[in-house]
Amino acid sequence: MTGISPTDSVMAIRNAILQKNAALRDVAQTGTVGGGAEGAKPGGFTEALNSALNQVNGLQAQAGEAASAFERGETTDIAAVMLAKQQASVSFEATLQVRNKLLSAYKDIMSMPV
């Protein structure tokens, strides 16, 4: 295990979402990203989303490895295995909720009259 608690993972995802939300709010207020076109960071949201998905995938892989090691008898720490599985589960659920919110926002935007 990497020593990252489930709370830290969820909080990291939450902080990334809050940062993107603040950036979107700034864009809505000023009409520009980063103070001008040259200050725009291409792919910032995409990179953050990919990073979060890769982190969740890594947590799920670690949980699977921990469970396999326990099943093979290589480790006897059931608490660590269960913690890894819960950490992966919480991270996945948080990611799923973010996806649902993004999909809902997309549907709302697409249904707006022009």
N, C-alpha and C. Protein backbone atom coordinates (compact mmCIF):
# COMPACT_ATOMS: atom_id res chain seq x y z
N MET A 1 0.84 -1.18 0.00
CA MET A 1 0.00 0.00 0.00
C MET A 1 0.88 1.24 0.00
N THR A 2 0.38 2.30 -0.56
CA THR A 2 1.16 3.51 -0.70
C THR A 2 1.05 4.44 0.49
N GLY A 3 0.18 4.16 1.43
CA GLY A 3 0.03 4.99 2.59
C GLY A 3 -0.97 6.12 2.39
N ILE A 4 -1.67 6.12 1.27
CA ILE A 4 -2.69 7.13 1.01
C ILE A 4 -4.00 6.63 1.60
N SER A 5 -4.57 7.43 2.50
CA SER A 5 -5.82 7.01 3.12
C SER A 5 -6.98 7.29 2.18
N PRO A 6 -8.11 6.61 2.36
CA PRO A 6 -9.27 6.86 1.51
C PRO A 6 -9.72 8.32 1.59
N THR A 7 -9.62 8.89 2.76
CA THR A 7 -10.02 10.28 2.93
C THR A 7 -9.12 11.20 2.12
N ASP A 8 -7.81 10.91 2.11
CA ASP A 8 -6.88 11.74 1.33
C ASP A 8 -7.19 11.66 -0.15
N SER A 9 -7.53 10.47 -0.65
CA SER A 9 -7.84 10.31 -2.06
C SER A 9 -9.09 11.08 -2.43
N VAL A 10 -10.12 10.95 -1.63
CA VAL A 10 -11.37 11.66 -1.91
C VAL A 10 -11.15 13.16 -1.81
N MET A 11 -10.39 13.58 -0.82
CA MET A 11 -10.13 15.01 -0.66
C MET A 11 -9.30 15.55 -1.83
N ALA A 12 -8.36 14.76 -2.35
CA ALA A 12 -7.58 15.20 -3.50
C ALA A 12 -8.47 15.37 -4.72
N ILE A 13 -9.39 14.44 -4.93
CA ILE A 13 -10.33 14.56 -6.05
C ILE A 13 -11.23 15.77 -5.83
N ARG A 14 -11.71 15.95 -4.60
CA ARG A 14 -12.57 17.09 -4.28
C ARG A 14 -11.84 18.40 -4.53
N ASN A 15 -10.58 18.49 -4.09
CA ASN A 15 -9.81 19.71 -4.29
C ASN A 15 -9.61 20.01 -5.78
N ALA A 16 -9.36 18.97 -6.58
CA ALA A 16 -9.20 19.16 -8.02
C ALA A 16 -10.49 19.69 -8.63
N ILE A 17 -11.62 19.16 -8.19
CA ILE A 17 -12.91 19.61 -8.69
C ILE A 17 -13.15 21.06 -8.28
N LEU A 18 -12.85 21.40 -7.03
CA LEU A 18 -13.04 22.77 -6.58
C LEU A 18 -12.16 23.75 -7.33
N GLN A 19 -10.93 23.36 -7.65
CA GLN A 19 -10.04 24.22 -8.42
C GLN A 19 -10.59 24.45 -9.82
N LYS A 20 -11.08 23.40 -10.44
CA LYS A 20 -11.65 23.53 -11.78
C LYS A 20 -12.93 24.37 -11.74
N ASN A 21 -13.71 24.20 -10.68
CA ASN A 21 -14.93 24.98 -10.52
C ASN A 21 -14.59 26.47 -10.39
N ALA A 22 -13.55 26.78 -9.62
CA ALA A 22 -13.14 28.19 -9.46
C ALA A 22 -12.63 28.74 -10.79
N ALA A 23 -11.91 27.93 -11.55
CA ALA A 23 -11.42 28.38 -12.85
C ALA A 23 -12.58 28.64 -13.80
N LEU A 24 -13.58 27.75 -13.78
CA LEU A 24 -14.76 27.95 -14.63
C LEU A 24 -15.53 29.19 -14.21
N ARG A 25 -15.61 29.43 -12.92
CA ARG A 25 -16.30 30.62 -12.43
C ARG A 25 -15.57 31.88 -12.90
N ASP A 26 -14.23 31.87 -12.86
CA ASP A 26 -13.44 33.00 -13.34
C ASP A 26 -13.68 33.24 -14.83
N VAL A 27 -13.74 32.16 -15.59
CA VAL A 27 -13.99 32.28 -17.02
C VAL A 27 -15.37 32.88 -17.27
N ALA A 28 -16.35 32.45 -16.50
CA ALA A 28 -17.70 32.97 -16.66
C ALA A 28 -17.77 34.45 -16.32
N GLN A 29 -16.99 34.89 -15.35
CA GLN A 29 -17.02 36.28 -14.94
C GLN A 29 -16.22 37.18 -15.87
N THR A 30 -15.06 36.73 -16.31
CA THR A 30 -14.18 37.58 -17.10
C THR A 30 -14.26 37.29 -18.59
N GLY A 31 -14.67 36.09 -18.95
CA GLY A 31 -14.74 35.73 -20.36
C GLY A 31 -13.42 35.25 -20.92
N THR A 32 -12.37 35.19 -20.10
CA THR A 32 -11.06 34.71 -20.56
C THR A 32 -10.53 33.70 -19.58
N VAL A 33 -9.60 32.91 -20.06
CA VAL A 33 -8.97 31.91 -19.22
C VAL A 33 -7.58 32.38 -18.88
N GLY A 34 -7.26 32.48 -17.59
CA GLY A 34 -5.91 32.82 -17.15
C GLY A 34 -5.49 34.23 -17.51
N GLY A 35 -6.45 35.14 -17.69
CA GLY A 35 -6.10 36.52 -17.98
C GLY A 35 -5.87 36.80 -19.45
N GLY A 36 -6.04 35.84 -20.31
CA GLY A 36 -5.87 36.06 -21.75
C GLY A 36 -5.65 34.76 -22.45
N ALA A 37 -5.63 34.81 -23.77
CA ALA A 37 -5.48 33.58 -24.55
C ALA A 37 -4.13 32.93 -24.32
N GLU A 38 -3.09 33.76 -24.11
CA GLU A 38 -1.77 33.16 -23.89
C GLU A 38 -1.66 32.50 -22.53
N GLY A 39 -2.54 32.84 -21.58
CA GLY A 39 -2.51 32.26 -20.24
C GLY A 39 -3.33 30.99 -20.14
N ALA A 40 -4.02 30.62 -21.21
CA ALA A 40 -4.87 29.43 -21.17
C ALA A 40 -4.01 28.18 -21.10
N LYS A 41 -4.43 27.25 -20.27
CA LYS A 41 -3.73 25.98 -20.14
C LYS A 41 -4.55 24.93 -20.86
N PRO A 42 -4.12 24.53 -22.07
CA PRO A 42 -4.92 23.57 -22.83
C PRO A 42 -4.95 22.20 -22.14
N GLY A 43 -6.13 21.64 -22.07
CA GLY A 43 -6.28 20.30 -21.50
C GLY A 43 -6.20 20.25 -20.00
N GLY A 44 -6.31 21.36 -19.29
CA GLY A 44 -6.19 21.35 -17.84
C GLY A 44 -7.24 20.49 -17.17
N PHE A 45 -8.49 20.65 -17.59
CA PHE A 45 -9.56 19.85 -17.00
C PHE A 45 -9.41 18.40 -17.40
N THR A 46 -9.10 18.17 -18.67
CA THR A 46 -8.93 16.80 -19.16
C THR A 46 -7.80 16.10 -18.43
N GLU A 47 -6.71 16.82 -18.23
CA GLU A 47 -5.57 16.24 -17.51
C GLU A 47 -5.94 15.91 -16.06
N ALA A 48 -6.68 16.80 -15.43
CA ALA A 48 -7.10 16.55 -14.04
C ALA A 48 -8.02 15.36 -13.96
N LEU A 49 -8.94 15.26 -14.92
CA LEU A 49 -9.87 14.13 -14.94
C LEU A 49 -9.12 12.82 -15.20
N ASN A 50 -8.22 12.84 -16.16
CA ASN A 50 -7.42 11.64 -16.44
C ASN A 50 -6.57 11.24 -15.24
N SER A 51 -6.01 12.21 -14.55
CA SER A 51 -5.21 11.93 -13.37
C SER A 51 -6.07 11.28 -12.28
N ALA A 52 -7.26 11.81 -12.07
CA ALA A 52 -8.16 11.24 -11.06
C ALA A 52 -8.56 9.82 -11.44
N LEU A 53 -8.87 9.60 -12.72
CA LEU A 53 -9.24 8.25 -13.17
C LEU A 53 -8.07 7.28 -13.03
N ASN A 54 -6.88 7.74 -13.35
CA ASN A 54 -5.70 6.87 -13.19
C ASN A 54 -5.45 6.55 -11.72
N GLN A 55 -5.70 7.51 -10.84
CA GLN A 55 -5.52 7.27 -9.41
C GLN A 55 -6.53 6.24 -8.92
N VAL A 56 -7.77 6.35 -9.36
CA VAL A 56 -8.80 5.38 -8.97
C VAL A 56 -8.44 4.00 -9.50
N ASN A 57 -8.00 3.95 -10.75
CA ASN A 57 -7.59 2.68 -11.34
C ASN A 57 -6.44 2.05 -10.55
N GLY A 58 -5.49 2.87 -10.15
CA GLY A 58 -4.36 2.38 -9.36
C GLY A 58 -4.81 1.83 -8.01
N LEU A 59 -5.75 2.53 -7.38
CA LEU A 59 -6.26 2.06 -6.09
C LEU A 59 -6.98 0.73 -6.24
N GLN A 60 -7.75 0.58 -7.33
CA GLN A 60 -8.45 -0.68 -7.56
C GLN A 60 -7.45 -1.81 -7.84
N ALA A 61 -6.39 -1.50 -8.57
CA ALA A 61 -5.37 -2.51 -8.84
C ALA A 61 -4.67 -2.93 -7.54
N GLN A 62 -4.37 -1.95 -6.68
CA GLN A 62 -3.73 -2.27 -5.39
C GLN A 62 -4.64 -3.13 -4.53
N ALA A 63 -5.94 -2.82 -4.54
CA ALA A 63 -6.88 -3.61 -3.75
C ALA A 63 -6.95 -5.03 -4.28
N GLY A 64 -6.96 -5.17 -5.59
CA GLY A 64 -6.97 -6.51 -6.19
C GLY A 64 -5.71 -7.30 -5.86
N GLU A 65 -4.57 -6.62 -5.91
CA GLU A 65 -3.31 -7.28 -5.56
C GLU A 65 -3.28 -7.69 -4.09
N ALA A 66 -3.79 -6.82 -3.22
CA ALA A 66 -3.82 -7.13 -1.78
C ALA A 66 -4.72 -8.33 -1.52
N ALA A 67 -5.88 -8.36 -2.19
CA ALA A 67 -6.80 -9.49 -2.01
C ALA A 67 -6.19 -10.78 -2.53
N SER A 68 -5.51 -10.70 -3.67
CA SER A 68 -4.87 -11.89 -4.23
C SER A 68 -3.75 -12.40 -3.32
N ALA A 69 -2.97 -11.47 -2.77
CA ALA A 69 -1.90 -11.86 -1.85
C ALA A 69 -2.47 -12.52 -0.61
N PHE A 70 -3.60 -12.02 -0.11
CA PHE A 70 -4.22 -12.62 1.06
C PHE A 70 -4.73 -14.02 0.73
N GLU A 71 -5.33 -14.17 -0.46
CA GLU A 71 -5.85 -15.47 -0.86
C GLU A 71 -4.72 -16.49 -1.04
N ARG A 72 -3.57 -16.03 -1.49
CA ARG A 72 -2.42 -16.93 -1.66
C ARG A 72 -1.72 -17.21 -0.35
N GLY A 73 -2.06 -16.48 0.69
CA GLY A 73 -1.43 -16.69 1.99
C GLY A 73 -0.14 -15.91 2.16
N GLU A 74 0.15 -14.98 1.27
CA GLU A 74 1.39 -14.20 1.36
C GLU A 74 1.30 -13.14 2.45
N THR A 75 0.08 -12.75 2.81
CA THR A 75 -0.11 -11.78 3.89
C THR A 75 -1.27 -12.26 4.76
N THR A 76 -1.22 -11.90 6.02
CA THR A 76 -2.29 -12.30 6.94
C THR A 76 -3.02 -11.10 7.51
N ASP A 77 -2.72 -9.92 7.00
CA ASP A 77 -3.32 -8.69 7.51
C ASP A 77 -4.63 -8.41 6.78
N ILE A 78 -5.71 -8.99 7.28
CA ILE A 78 -7.02 -8.82 6.65
C ILE A 78 -7.49 -7.37 6.76
N ALA A 79 -7.10 -6.68 7.81
CA ALA A 79 -7.51 -5.28 7.97
C ALA A 79 -6.95 -4.42 6.83
N ALA A 80 -5.69 -4.65 6.46
CA ALA A 80 -5.09 -3.88 5.37
C ALA A 80 -5.77 -4.19 4.04
N VAL A 81 -6.15 -5.45 3.85
CA VAL A 81 -6.83 -5.85 2.62
C VAL A 81 -8.20 -5.18 2.55
N MET A 82 -8.94 -5.23 3.65
CA MET A 82 -10.26 -4.62 3.67
C MET A 82 -10.18 -3.10 3.53
N LEU A 83 -9.18 -2.49 4.11
CA LEU A 83 -8.98 -1.06 3.98
C LEU A 83 -8.69 -0.68 2.53
N ALA A 84 -7.85 -1.47 1.87
CA ALA A 84 -7.54 -1.22 0.46
C ALA A 84 -8.79 -1.34 -0.40
N LYS A 85 -9.61 -2.35 -0.11
CA LYS A 85 -10.84 -2.54 -0.88
C LYS A 85 -11.83 -1.39 -0.64
N GLN A 86 -11.94 -0.94 0.60
CA GLN A 86 -12.83 0.17 0.91
C GLN A 86 -12.32 1.48 0.29
N GLN A 87 -11.02 1.66 0.30
CA GLN A 87 -10.42 2.85 -0.29
C GLN A 87 -10.73 2.89 -1.79
N ALA A 88 -10.58 1.77 -2.46
CA ALA A 88 -10.88 1.68 -3.88
C ALA A 88 -12.37 1.92 -4.12
N SER A 89 -13.20 1.38 -3.26
CA SER A 89 -14.64 1.54 -3.40
C SER A 89 -15.08 2.99 -3.24
N VAL A 90 -14.56 3.66 -2.22
CA VAL A 90 -14.91 5.06 -1.98
C VAL A 90 -14.42 5.93 -3.14
N SER A 91 -13.23 5.68 -3.62
CA SER A 91 -12.69 6.44 -4.74
C SER A 91 -13.53 6.24 -5.99
N PHE A 92 -13.94 5.01 -6.23
CA PHE A 92 -14.77 4.73 -7.40
C PHE A 92 -16.13 5.42 -7.29
N GLU A 93 -16.73 5.36 -6.11
CA GLU A 93 -18.02 6.01 -5.90
C GLU A 93 -17.92 7.52 -6.10
N ALA A 94 -16.84 8.12 -5.60
CA ALA A 94 -16.66 9.57 -5.78
C ALA A 94 -16.50 9.90 -7.26
N THR A 95 -15.74 9.10 -7.97
CA THR A 95 -15.56 9.31 -9.40
C THR A 95 -16.88 9.13 -10.15
N LEU A 96 -17.65 8.16 -9.75
CA LEU A 96 -18.95 7.93 -10.37
C LEU A 96 -19.88 9.13 -10.15
N GLN A 97 -19.85 9.70 -8.96
CA GLN A 97 -20.68 10.86 -8.68
C GLN A 97 -20.24 12.07 -9.51
N VAL A 98 -18.94 12.25 -9.67
CA VAL A 98 -18.43 13.34 -10.50
C VAL A 98 -18.89 13.14 -11.94
N ARG A 99 -18.79 11.92 -12.43
CA ARG A 99 -19.24 11.62 -13.79
C ARG A 99 -20.72 11.93 -13.95
N ASN A 100 -21.52 11.54 -12.97
CA ASN A 100 -22.95 11.80 -13.04
C ASN A 100 -23.25 13.29 -13.07
N LYS A 101 -22.52 14.07 -12.27
CA LYS A 101 -22.71 15.52 -12.26
C LYS A 101 -22.29 16.13 -13.59
N LEU A 102 -21.19 15.67 -14.16
CA LEU A 102 -20.74 16.18 -15.45
C LEU A 102 -21.75 15.84 -16.54
N LEU A 103 -22.27 14.64 -16.52
CA LEU A 103 -23.26 14.23 -17.51
C LEU A 103 -24.54 15.05 -17.36
N SER A 104 -24.95 15.29 -16.14
CA SER A 104 -26.13 16.10 -15.89
C SER A 104 -25.92 17.53 -16.39
N ALA A 105 -24.75 18.09 -16.13
CA ALA A 105 -24.45 19.45 -16.60
C ALA A 105 -24.43 19.50 -18.11
N TYR A 106 -23.87 18.49 -18.75
CA TYR A 106 -23.84 18.43 -20.21
C TYR A 106 -25.26 18.39 -20.77
N LYS A 107 -26.11 17.55 -20.17
CA LYS A 107 -27.51 17.46 -20.63
C LYS A 107 -28.23 18.79 -20.44
N ASP A 108 -27.99 19.47 -19.31
CA ASP A 108 -28.60 20.76 -19.08
C ASP A 108 -28.16 21.79 -20.12
N ILE A 109 -26.88 21.80 -20.42
CA ILE A 109 -26.36 22.74 -21.40
C ILE A 109 -26.93 22.45 -22.79
N MET A 110 -26.99 21.17 -23.13
CA MET A 110 -27.50 20.81 -24.46
C MET A 110 -28.99 21.08 -24.60
N SER A 111 -29.74 21.12 -23.51
CA SER A 111 -31.17 21.37 -23.60
C SER A 111 -31.51 22.86 -23.51
N MET A 112 -30.51 23.71 -23.33
CA MET A 112 -30.76 25.16 -23.25
C MET A 112 -31.14 25.69 -24.63
N PRO A 113 -32.12 26.58 -24.64
CA PRO A 113 -32.45 27.21 -25.93
C PRO A 113 -31.36 28.18 -26.35
N VAL A 114 -31.16 28.30 -27.63
CA VAL A 114 -30.09 29.17 -28.14
C VAL A 114 -30.56 30.57 -28.30
